[in-house]
mmCIF file of all heavy atoms, coordinates in Angstrom:
data_MODEL
# 
_entry.id   MODEL 
# 
loop_
_atom_site.group_PDB 
_atom_site.id 
_atom_site.type_symbol 
_atom_site.label_atom_id 
_atom_site.label_alt_id 
_atom_site.label_comp_id 
_atom_site.label_asym_id 
_atom_site.label_entity_id 
_atom_site.label_seq_id 
_atom_site.pdbx_PDB_ins_code 
_atom_site.Cartn_x 
_atom_site.Cartn_y 
_atom_site.Cartn_z 
_atom_site.occupancy 
_atom_site.B_iso_or_equiv 
_atom_site.pdbx_formal_charge 
_atom_site.auth_seq_id 
_atom_site.auth_comp_id 
_atom_site.auth_asym_id 
_atom_site.auth_atom_id 
_atom_site.pdbx_PDB_model_num 
ATOM 1   N N   . ARG A 1 1  ? 42.731 7.024  -30.820 1.00 0.00 ? 1  ARG A N   1 
ATOM 2   C CA  . ARG A 1 1  ? 43.980 7.366  -31.504 1.00 0.00 ? 1  ARG A CA  1 
ATOM 3   C C   . ARG A 1 1  ? 44.651 6.127  -32.079 1.00 0.00 ? 1  ARG A C   1 
ATOM 4   O O   . ARG A 1 1  ? 45.214 6.173  -33.180 1.00 0.00 ? 1  ARG A O   1 
ATOM 5   C CB  . ARG A 1 1  ? 44.905 8.096  -30.536 1.00 0.00 ? 1  ARG A CB  1 
ATOM 6   C CG  . ARG A 1 1  ? 44.431 9.517  -30.233 1.00 0.00 ? 1  ARG A CG  1 
ATOM 7   C CD  . ARG A 1 1  ? 45.275 10.200 -29.188 1.00 0.00 ? 1  ARG A CD  1 
ATOM 8   N NE  . ARG A 1 1  ? 44.818 11.569 -28.971 1.00 0.00 ? 1  ARG A NE  1 
ATOM 9   C CZ  . ARG A 1 1  ? 45.204 12.327 -27.958 1.00 0.00 ? 1  ARG A CZ  1 
ATOM 10  N NH1 . ARG A 1 1  ? 46.069 11.840 -27.065 1.00 0.00 ? 1  ARG A NH1 1 
ATOM 11  N NH2 . ARG A 1 1  ? 44.747 13.561 -27.829 1.00 0.00 ? 1  ARG A NH2 1 
ATOM 12  N N   . LEU A 1 2  ? 44.589 5.031  -31.353 1.00 0.00 ? 2  LEU A N   1 
ATOM 13  C CA  . LEU A 1 2  ? 45.151 3.787  -31.861 1.00 0.00 ? 2  LEU A CA  1 
ATOM 14  C C   . LEU A 1 2  ? 44.482 3.378  -33.171 1.00 0.00 ? 2  LEU A C   1 
ATOM 15  O O   . LEU A 1 2  ? 45.142 2.904  -34.103 1.00 0.00 ? 2  LEU A O   1 
ATOM 16  C CB  . LEU A 1 2  ? 44.973 2.678  -30.817 1.00 0.00 ? 2  LEU A CB  1 
ATOM 17  C CG  . LEU A 1 2  ? 45.363 1.262  -31.255 1.00 0.00 ? 2  LEU A CG  1 
ATOM 18  C CD1 . LEU A 1 2  ? 46.851 1.170  -31.534 1.00 0.00 ? 2  LEU A CD1 1 
ATOM 19  C CD2 . LEU A 1 2  ? 44.949 0.246  -30.190 1.00 0.00 ? 2  LEU A CD2 1 
ATOM 20  N N   . LEU A 1 3  ? 43.164 3.590  -33.258 1.00 0.00 ? 3  LEU A N   1 
ATOM 21  C CA  . LEU A 1 3  ? 42.392 3.173  -34.423 1.00 0.00 ? 3  LEU A CA  1 
ATOM 22  C C   . LEU A 1 3  ? 42.206 4.294  -35.441 1.00 0.00 ? 3  LEU A C   1 
ATOM 23  O O   . LEU A 1 3  ? 41.423 4.143  -36.381 1.00 0.00 ? 3  LEU A O   1 
ATOM 24  C CB  . LEU A 1 3  ? 41.029 2.650  -33.959 1.00 0.00 ? 3  LEU A CB  1 
ATOM 25  C CG  . LEU A 1 3  ? 41.071 1.481  -32.971 1.00 0.00 ? 3  LEU A CG  1 
ATOM 26  C CD1 . LEU A 1 3  ? 39.657 1.056  -32.585 1.00 0.00 ? 3  LEU A CD1 1 
ATOM 27  C CD2 . LEU A 1 3  ? 41.843 0.306  -33.559 1.00 0.00 ? 3  LEU A CD2 1 
ATOM 28  N N   . ASP A 1 4  ? 42.915 5.412  -35.251 1.00 0.00 ? 4  ASP A N   1 
ATOM 29  C CA  . ASP A 1 4  ? 42.816 6.561  -36.164 1.00 0.00 ? 4  ASP A CA  1 
ATOM 30  C C   . ASP A 1 4  ? 41.370 7.020  -36.305 1.00 0.00 ? 4  ASP A C   1 
ATOM 31  O O   . ASP A 1 4  ? 40.873 7.275  -37.407 1.00 0.00 ? 4  ASP A O   1 
ATOM 32  C CB  . ASP A 1 4  ? 43.399 6.205  -37.536 1.00 0.00 ? 4  ASP A CB  1 
ATOM 33  C CG  . ASP A 1 4  ? 43.637 7.442  -38.400 1.00 0.00 ? 4  ASP A CG  1 
ATOM 34  O OD1 . ASP A 1 4  ? 43.842 8.533  -37.832 1.00 0.00 ? 4  ASP A OD1 1 
ATOM 35  O OD2 . ASP A 1 4  ? 43.588 7.315  -39.643 1.00 0.00 ? 4  ASP A OD2 1 
ATOM 36  N N   . SER A 1 5  ? 40.702 7.104  -35.175 1.00 0.00 ? 5  SER A N   1 
ATOM 37  C CA  . SER A 1 5  ? 39.298 7.523  -35.126 1.00 0.00 ? 5  SER A CA  1 
ATOM 38  C C   . SER A 1 5  ? 39.218 8.890  -34.459 1.00 0.00 ? 5  SER A C   1 
ATOM 39  O O   . SER A 1 5  ? 39.911 9.140  -33.469 1.00 0.00 ? 5  SER A O   1 
ATOM 40  C CB  . SER A 1 5  ? 38.478 6.506  -34.329 1.00 0.00 ? 5  SER A CB  1 
ATOM 41  O OG  . SER A 1 5  ? 37.101 6.820  -34.344 1.00 0.00 ? 5  SER A OG  1 
ATOM 42  N N   . PRO A 1 6  ? 38.411 9.819  -34.971 1.00 0.00 ? 6  PRO A N   1 
ATOM 43  C CA  . PRO A 1 6  ? 38.386 11.171 -34.420 1.00 0.00 ? 6  PRO A CA  1 
ATOM 44  C C   . PRO A 1 6  ? 37.759 11.244 -33.036 1.00 0.00 ? 6  PRO A C   1 
ATOM 45  O O   . PRO A 1 6  ? 36.926 10.422 -32.669 1.00 0.00 ? 6  PRO A O   1 
ATOM 46  C CB  . PRO A 1 6  ? 37.539 11.950 -35.437 1.00 0.00 ? 6  PRO A CB  1 
ATOM 47  C CG  . PRO A 1 6  ? 36.669 10.917 -36.079 1.00 0.00 ? 6  PRO A CG  1 
ATOM 48  C CD  . PRO A 1 6  ? 37.499 9.663  -36.126 1.00 0.00 ? 6  PRO A CD  1 
ATOM 49  N N   . VAL A 1 7  ? 38.173 12.243 -32.277 1.00 0.00 ? 7  VAL A N   1 
ATOM 50  C CA  . VAL A 1 7  ? 37.532 12.597 -31.013 1.00 0.00 ? 7  VAL A CA  1 
ATOM 51  C C   . VAL A 1 7  ? 37.023 14.024 -31.159 1.00 0.00 ? 7  VAL A C   1 
ATOM 52  O O   . VAL A 1 7  ? 37.444 14.758 -32.054 1.00 0.00 ? 7  VAL A O   1 
ATOM 53  C CB  . VAL A 1 7  ? 38.498 12.471 -29.812 1.00 0.00 ? 7  VAL A CB  1 
ATOM 54  C CG1 . VAL A 1 7  ? 38.949 11.037 -29.633 1.00 0.00 ? 7  VAL A CG1 1 
ATOM 55  C CG2 . VAL A 1 7  ? 39.709 13.385 -30.000 1.00 0.00 ? 7  VAL A CG2 1 
ATOM 56  N N   . TRP A 1 8  ? 36.126 14.412 -30.298 1.00 0.00 ? 8  TRP A N   1 
ATOM 57  C CA  . TRP A 1 8  ? 35.546 15.745 -30.398 1.00 0.00 ? 8  TRP A CA  1 
ATOM 58  C C   . TRP A 1 8  ? 35.222 16.256 -29.008 1.00 0.00 ? 8  TRP A C   1 
ATOM 59  O O   . TRP A 1 8  ? 35.138 15.490 -28.053 1.00 0.00 ? 8  TRP A O   1 
ATOM 60  C CB  . TRP A 1 8  ? 34.285 15.714 -31.270 1.00 0.00 ? 8  TRP A CB  1 
ATOM 61  C CG  . TRP A 1 8  ? 33.204 14.830 -30.734 1.00 0.00 ? 8  TRP A CG  1 
ATOM 62  C CD1 . TRP A 1 8  ? 32.132 15.206 -29.975 1.00 0.00 ? 8  TRP A CD1 1 
ATOM 63  C CD2 . TRP A 1 8  ? 33.088 13.411 -30.891 1.00 0.00 ? 8  TRP A CD2 1 
ATOM 64  N NE1 . TRP A 1 8  ? 31.360 14.117 -29.643 1.00 0.00 ? 8  TRP A NE1 1 
ATOM 65  C CE2 . TRP A 1 8  ? 31.926 12.990 -30.198 1.00 0.00 ? 8  TRP A CE2 1 
ATOM 66  C CE3 . TRP A 1 8  ? 33.854 12.440 -31.558 1.00 0.00 ? 8  TRP A CE3 1 
ATOM 67  C CZ2 . TRP A 1 8  ? 31.517 11.670 -30.140 1.00 0.00 ? 8  TRP A CZ2 1 
ATOM 68  C CZ3 . TRP A 1 8  ? 33.436 11.117 -31.495 1.00 0.00 ? 8  TRP A CZ3 1 
ATOM 69  C CH2 . TRP A 1 8  ? 32.290 10.744 -30.808 1.00 0.00 ? 8  TRP A CH2 1 
ATOM 70  N N   . THR A 1 9  ? 35.056 17.570 -28.892 1.00 0.00 ? 9  THR A N   1 
ATOM 71  C CA  . THR A 1 9  ? 34.829 18.196 -27.595 1.00 0.00 ? 9  THR A CA  1 
ATOM 72  C C   . THR A 1 9  ? 33.413 18.743 -27.513 1.00 0.00 ? 9  THR A C   1 
ATOM 73  O O   . THR A 1 9  ? 32.608 18.591 -28.439 1.00 0.00 ? 9  THR A O   1 
ATOM 74  C CB  . THR A 1 9  ? 35.821 19.348 -27.389 1.00 0.00 ? 9  THR A CB  1 
ATOM 75  O OG1 . THR A 1 9  ? 35.548 20.376 -28.361 1.00 0.00 ? 9  THR A OG1 1 
ATOM 76  C CG2 . THR A 1 9  ? 37.256 18.873 -27.556 1.00 0.00 ? 9  THR A CG2 1 
ATOM 77  N N   . GLY A 1 10 ? 33.136 19.414 -26.403 1.00 0.00 ? 10 GLY A N   1 
ATOM 78  C CA  . GLY A 1 10 ? 31.819 20.002 -26.216 1.00 0.00 ? 10 GLY A CA  1 
ATOM 79  C C   . GLY A 1 10 ? 31.512 21.104 -27.203 1.00 0.00 ? 10 GLY A C   1 
ATOM 80  O O   . GLY A 1 10 ? 30.351 21.488 -27.377 1.00 0.00 ? 10 GLY A O   1 
ATOM 81  N N   . ALA A 1 11 ? 32.551 21.628 -27.873 1.00 0.00 ? 11 ALA A N   1 
ATOM 82  C CA  . ALA A 1 11 ? 32.323 22.653 -28.888 1.00 0.00 ? 11 ALA A CA  1 
ATOM 83  C C   . ALA A 1 11 ? 31.633 22.075 -30.120 1.00 0.00 ? 11 ALA A C   1 
ATOM 84  O O   . ALA A 1 11 ? 30.978 22.801 -30.872 1.00 0.00 ? 11 ALA A O   1 
ATOM 85  C CB  . ALA A 1 11 ? 33.649 23.293 -29.287 1.00 0.00 ? 11 ALA A CB  1 
ATOM 86  N N   . ASP A 1 12 ? 31.796 20.781 -30.329 1.00 0.00 ? 12 ASP A N   1 
ATOM 87  C CA  . ASP A 1 12 ? 31.163 20.096 -31.466 1.00 0.00 ? 12 ASP A CA  1 
ATOM 88  C C   . ASP A 1 12 ? 30.461 18.832 -30.979 1.00 0.00 ? 12 ASP A C   1 
ATOM 89  O O   . ASP A 1 12 ? 30.832 17.715 -31.358 1.00 0.00 ? 12 ASP A O   1 
ATOM 90  C CB  . ASP A 1 12 ? 32.206 19.720 -32.516 1.00 0.00 ? 12 ASP A CB  1 
ATOM 91  C CG  . ASP A 1 12 ? 32.923 20.925 -33.079 1.00 0.00 ? 12 ASP A CG  1 
ATOM 92  O OD1 . ASP A 1 12 ? 32.264 21.743 -33.739 1.00 0.00 ? 12 ASP A OD1 1 
ATOM 93  O OD2 . ASP A 1 12 ? 34.142 21.038 -32.858 1.00 0.00 ? 12 ASP A OD2 1 
ATOM 94  N N   . PRO A 1 13 ? 29.458 18.959 -30.108 1.00 0.00 ? 13 PRO A N   1 
ATOM 95  C CA  . PRO A 1 13 ? 28.808 17.756 -29.593 1.00 0.00 ? 13 PRO A CA  1 
ATOM 96  C C   . PRO A 1 13 ? 28.098 16.977 -30.692 1.00 0.00 ? 13 PRO A C   1 
ATOM 97  O O   . PRO A 1 13 ? 27.638 17.549 -31.687 1.00 0.00 ? 13 PRO A O   1 
ATOM 98  C CB  . PRO A 1 13 ? 27.804 18.313 -28.573 1.00 0.00 ? 13 PRO A CB  1 
ATOM 99  C CG  . PRO A 1 13 ? 27.521 19.700 -29.035 1.00 0.00 ? 13 PRO A CG  1 
ATOM 100 C CD  . PRO A 1 13 ? 28.798 20.191 -29.627 1.00 0.00 ? 13 PRO A CD  1 
ATOM 101 N N   . VAL A 1 14 ? 28.036 15.686 -30.509 1.00 0.00 ? 14 VAL A N   1 
ATOM 102 C CA  . VAL A 1 14 ? 27.352 14.798 -31.450 1.00 0.00 ? 14 VAL A CA  1 
ATOM 103 C C   . VAL A 1 14 ? 26.171 14.178 -30.726 1.00 0.00 ? 14 VAL A C   1 
ATOM 104 O O   . VAL A 1 14 ? 26.287 13.777 -29.566 1.00 0.00 ? 14 VAL A O   1 
ATOM 105 C CB  . VAL A 1 14 ? 28.317 13.703 -31.947 1.00 0.00 ? 14 VAL A CB  1 
ATOM 106 C CG1 . VAL A 1 14 ? 27.599 12.740 -32.884 1.00 0.00 ? 14 VAL A CG1 1 
ATOM 107 C CG2 . VAL A 1 14 ? 29.519 14.333 -32.653 1.00 0.00 ? 14 VAL A CG2 1 
ATOM 108 N N   . THR A 1 15 ? 25.043 14.102 -31.378 1.00 0.00 ? 15 THR A N   1 
ATOM 109 C CA  . THR A 1 15 ? 23.865 13.533 -30.732 1.00 0.00 ? 15 THR A CA  1 
ATOM 110 C C   . THR A 1 15 ? 23.886 12.019 -30.812 1.00 0.00 ? 15 THR A C   1 
ATOM 111 O O   . THR A 1 15 ? 24.522 11.428 -31.691 1.00 0.00 ? 15 THR A O   1 
ATOM 112 C CB  . THR A 1 15 ? 22.574 14.052 -31.375 1.00 0.00 ? 15 THR A CB  1 
ATOM 113 O OG1 . THR A 1 15 ? 22.485 13.559 -32.736 1.00 0.00 ? 15 THR A OG1 1 
ATOM 114 C CG2 . THR A 1 15 ? 22.523 15.575 -31.372 1.00 0.00 ? 15 THR A CG2 1 
ATOM 115 N N   . LEU A 1 16 ? 23.149 11.407 -29.912 1.00 0.00 ? 16 LEU A N   1 
ATOM 116 C CA  . LEU A 1 16 ? 23.020 9.955  -29.931 1.00 0.00 ? 16 LEU A CA  1 
ATOM 117 C C   . LEU A 1 16 ? 22.424 9.494  -31.249 1.00 0.00 ? 16 LEU A C   1 
ATOM 118 O O   . LEU A 1 16 ? 22.822 8.454  -31.787 1.00 0.00 ? 16 LEU A O   1 
ATOM 119 C CB  . LEU A 1 16 ? 22.148 9.490  -28.756 1.00 0.00 ? 16 LEU A CB  1 
ATOM 120 C CG  . LEU A 1 16 ? 21.902 7.986  -28.664 1.00 0.00 ? 16 LEU A CG  1 
ATOM 121 C CD1 . LEU A 1 16 ? 23.203 7.213  -28.530 1.00 0.00 ? 16 LEU A CD1 1 
ATOM 122 C CD2 . LEU A 1 16 ? 20.968 7.667  -27.494 1.00 0.00 ? 16 LEU A CD2 1 
ATOM 123 N N   . ALA A 1 17 ? 21.484 10.244 -31.803 1.00 0.00 ? 17 ALA A N   1 
ATOM 124 C CA  . ALA A 1 17 ? 20.880 9.873  -33.085 1.00 0.00 ? 17 ALA A CA  1 
ATOM 125 C C   . ALA A 1 17 ? 21.928 9.834  -34.195 1.00 0.00 ? 17 ALA A C   1 
ATOM 126 O O   . ALA A 1 17 ? 21.906 8.933  -35.053 1.00 0.00 ? 17 ALA A O   1 
ATOM 127 C CB  . ALA A 1 17 ? 19.762 10.844 -33.445 1.00 0.00 ? 17 ALA A CB  1 
ATOM 128 N N   . GLN A 1 18 ? 22.861 10.782 -34.215 1.00 0.00 ? 18 GLN A N   1 
ATOM 129 C CA  . GLN A 1 18 ? 23.916 10.784 -35.227 1.00 0.00 ? 18 GLN A CA  1 
ATOM 130 C C   . GLN A 1 18 ? 24.813 9.561  -35.094 1.00 0.00 ? 18 GLN A C   1 
ATOM 131 O O   . GLN A 1 18 ? 25.206 8.944  -36.092 1.00 0.00 ? 18 GLN A O   1 
ATOM 132 C CB  . GLN A 1 18 ? 24.757 12.062 -35.107 1.00 0.00 ? 18 GLN A CB  1 
ATOM 133 C CG  . GLN A 1 18 ? 24.066 13.332 -35.546 1.00 0.00 ? 18 GLN A CG  1 
ATOM 134 C CD  . GLN A 1 18 ? 24.929 14.553 -35.278 1.00 0.00 ? 18 GLN A CD  1 
ATOM 135 O OE1 . GLN A 1 18 ? 24.997 15.050 -34.148 1.00 0.00 ? 18 GLN A OE1 1 
ATOM 136 N NE2 . GLN A 1 18 ? 25.618 15.018 -36.296 1.00 0.00 ? 18 GLN A NE2 1 
ATOM 137 N N   . LEU A 1 19 ? 25.172 9.220  -33.875 1.00 0.00 ? 19 LEU A N   1 
ATOM 138 C CA  . LEU A 1 19 ? 26.019 8.059  -33.641 1.00 0.00 ? 19 LEU A CA  1 
ATOM 139 C C   . LEU A 1 19 ? 25.285 6.779  -33.990 1.00 0.00 ? 19 LEU A C   1 
ATOM 140 O O   . LEU A 1 19 ? 25.857 5.844  -34.564 1.00 0.00 ? 19 LEU A O   1 
ATOM 141 C CB  . LEU A 1 19 ? 26.470 8.048  -32.185 1.00 0.00 ? 19 LEU A CB  1 
ATOM 142 C CG  . LEU A 1 19 ? 27.378 9.222  -31.794 1.00 0.00 ? 19 LEU A CG  1 
ATOM 143 C CD1 . LEU A 1 19 ? 27.435 9.380  -30.286 1.00 0.00 ? 19 LEU A CD1 1 
ATOM 144 C CD2 . LEU A 1 19 ? 28.776 9.031  -32.368 1.00 0.00 ? 19 LEU A CD2 1 
ATOM 145 N N   . TRP A 1 20 ? 24.023 6.719  -33.637 1.00 0.00 ? 20 TRP A N   1 
ATOM 146 C CA  . TRP A 1 20 ? 23.176 5.565  -33.960 1.00 0.00 ? 20 TRP A CA  1 
ATOM 147 C C   . TRP A 1 20 ? 23.168 5.326  -35.467 1.00 0.00 ? 20 TRP A C   1 
ATOM 148 O O   . TRP A 1 20 ? 23.324 4.197  -35.935 1.00 0.00 ? 20 TRP A O   1 
ATOM 149 C CB  . TRP A 1 20 ? 21.772 5.846  -33.446 1.00 0.00 ? 20 TRP A CB  1 
ATOM 150 C CG  . TRP A 1 20 ? 20.767 4.758  -33.562 1.00 0.00 ? 20 TRP A CG  1 
ATOM 151 C CD1 . TRP A 1 20 ? 20.157 4.308  -34.703 1.00 0.00 ? 20 TRP A CD1 1 
ATOM 152 C CD2 . TRP A 1 20 ? 20.217 3.974  -32.491 1.00 0.00 ? 20 TRP A CD2 1 
ATOM 153 N NE1 . TRP A 1 20 ? 19.262 3.314  -34.427 1.00 0.00 ? 20 TRP A NE1 1 
ATOM 154 C CE2 . TRP A 1 20 ? 19.278 3.090  -33.065 1.00 0.00 ? 20 TRP A CE2 1 
ATOM 155 C CE3 . TRP A 1 20 ? 20.418 3.964  -31.117 1.00 0.00 ? 20 TRP A CE3 1 
ATOM 156 C CZ2 . TRP A 1 20 ? 18.538 2.192  -32.299 1.00 0.00 ? 20 TRP A CZ2 1 
ATOM 157 C CZ3 . TRP A 1 20 ? 19.692 3.068  -30.355 1.00 0.00 ? 20 TRP A CZ3 1 
ATOM 158 C CH2 . TRP A 1 20 ? 18.758 2.185  -30.937 1.00 0.00 ? 20 TRP A CH2 1 
ATOM 159 N N   . ASP A 1 21 ? 22.993 6.410  -36.234 1.00 0.00 ? 21 ASP A N   1 
ATOM 160 C CA  . ASP A 1 21 ? 22.932 6.304  -37.691 1.00 0.00 ? 21 ASP A CA  1 
ATOM 161 C C   . ASP A 1 21 ? 24.239 5.833  -38.299 1.00 0.00 ? 21 ASP A C   1 
ATOM 162 O O   . ASP A 1 21 ? 24.262 5.371  -39.449 1.00 0.00 ? 21 ASP A O   1 
ATOM 163 C CB  . ASP A 1 21 ? 22.550 7.654  -38.307 1.00 0.00 ? 21 ASP A CB  1 
ATOM 164 C CG  . ASP A 1 21 ? 21.104 8.028  -38.054 1.00 0.00 ? 21 ASP A CG  1 
ATOM 165 O OD1 . ASP A 1 21 ? 20.298 7.127  -37.752 1.00 0.00 ? 21 ASP A OD1 1 
ATOM 166 O OD2 . ASP A 1 21 ? 20.764 9.225  -38.166 1.00 0.00 ? 21 ASP A OD2 1 
ATOM 167 N N   . ALA A 1 22 ? 25.359 5.968  -37.564 1.00 0.00 ? 22 ALA A N   1 
ATOM 168 C CA  . ALA A 1 22 ? 26.663 5.570  -38.081 1.00 0.00 ? 22 ALA A CA  1 
ATOM 169 C C   . ALA A 1 22 ? 26.920 4.074  -37.932 1.00 0.00 ? 22 ALA A C   1 
ATOM 170 O O   . ALA A 1 22 ? 27.962 3.579  -38.375 1.00 0.00 ? 22 ALA A O   1 
ATOM 171 C CB  . ALA A 1 22 ? 27.767 6.354  -37.376 1.00 0.00 ? 22 ALA A CB  1 
ATOM 172 N N   . ILE A 1 23 ? 25.998 3.335  -37.325 1.00 0.00 ? 23 ILE A N   1 
ATOM 173 C CA  . ILE A 1 23 ? 26.143 1.890  -37.164 1.00 0.00 ? 23 ILE A CA  1 
ATOM 174 C C   . ILE A 1 23 ? 25.488 1.180  -38.340 1.00 0.00 ? 23 ILE A C   1 
ATOM 175 O O   . ILE A 1 23 ? 24.311 1.415  -38.629 1.00 0.00 ? 23 ILE A O   1 
ATOM 176 C CB  . ILE A 1 23 ? 25.501 1.415  -35.846 1.00 0.00 ? 23 ILE A CB  1 
ATOM 177 C CG1 . ILE A 1 23 ? 26.235 2.018  -34.647 1.00 0.00 ? 23 ILE A CG1 1 
ATOM 178 C CG2 . ILE A 1 23 ? 25.506 -0.109 -35.757 1.00 0.00 ? 23 ILE A CG2 1 
ATOM 179 C CD1 . ILE A 1 23 ? 25.613 1.672  -33.302 1.00 0.00 ? 23 ILE A CD1 1 
ATOM 180 N N   . PRO A 1 24 ? 26.211 0.332  -39.053 1.00 0.00 ? 24 PRO A N   1 
ATOM 181 C CA  . PRO A 1 24 ? 25.605 -0.392 -40.171 1.00 0.00 ? 24 PRO A CA  1 
ATOM 182 C C   . PRO A 1 24 ? 24.377 -1.179 -39.734 1.00 0.00 ? 24 PRO A C   1 
ATOM 183 O O   . PRO A 1 24 ? 24.349 -1.796 -38.666 1.00 0.00 ? 24 PRO A O   1 
ATOM 184 C CB  . PRO A 1 24 ? 26.728 -1.340 -40.612 1.00 0.00 ? 24 PRO A CB  1 
ATOM 185 C CG  . PRO A 1 24 ? 27.982 -0.613 -40.246 1.00 0.00 ? 24 PRO A CG  1 
ATOM 186 C CD  . PRO A 1 24 ? 27.658 0.056  -38.936 1.00 0.00 ? 24 PRO A CD  1 
ATOM 187 N N   . GLY A 1 25 ? 23.352 -1.123 -40.559 1.00 0.00 ? 25 GLY A N   1 
ATOM 188 C CA  . GLY A 1 25 ? 22.126 -1.855 -40.283 1.00 0.00 ? 25 GLY A CA  1 
ATOM 189 C C   . GLY A 1 25 ? 21.078 -1.077 -39.530 1.00 0.00 ? 25 GLY A C   1 
ATOM 190 O O   . GLY A 1 25 ? 19.920 -1.486 -39.465 1.00 0.00 ? 25 GLY A O   1 
ATOM 191 N N   . MET A 1 26 ? 21.462 0.065  -38.956 1.00 0.00 ? 26 MET A N   1 
ATOM 192 C CA  . MET A 1 26 ? 20.497 0.834  -38.176 1.00 0.00 ? 26 MET A CA  1 
ATOM 193 C C   . MET A 1 26 ? 19.611 1.731  -39.038 1.00 0.00 ? 26 MET A C   1 
ATOM 194 O O   . MET A 1 26 ? 18.660 2.323  -38.537 1.00 0.00 ? 26 MET A O   1 
ATOM 195 C CB  . MET A 1 26 ? 21.213 1.684  -37.135 1.00 0.00 ? 26 MET A CB  1 
ATOM 196 C CG  . MET A 1 26 ? 21.838 0.897  -35.997 1.00 0.00 ? 26 MET A CG  1 
ATOM 197 S SD  . MET A 1 26 ? 20.645 -0.115 -35.083 1.00 0.00 ? 26 MET A SD  1 
ATOM 198 C CE  . MET A 1 26 ? 21.173 -1.750 -35.597 1.00 0.00 ? 26 MET A CE  1 
ATOM 199 N N   . ALA A 1 27 ? 19.886 1.831  -40.329 1.00 0.00 ? 27 ALA A N   1 
ATOM 200 C CA  . ALA A 1 27 ? 19.036 2.629  -41.217 1.00 0.00 ? 27 ALA A CA  1 
ATOM 201 C C   . ALA A 1 27 ? 17.616 2.102  -41.230 1.00 0.00 ? 27 ALA A C   1 
ATOM 202 O O   . ALA A 1 27 ? 16.657 2.865  -41.384 1.00 0.00 ? 27 ALA A O   1 
ATOM 203 C CB  . ALA A 1 27 ? 19.615 2.636  -42.631 1.00 0.00 ? 27 ALA A CB  1 
# 
């Protein structure tokens, strides 16, 4: 919340692969 970054619940789980892809350079 301090960084204006979203949070999500179990209704919308995110996979580790999705989070991995969001890191610059991991493509």
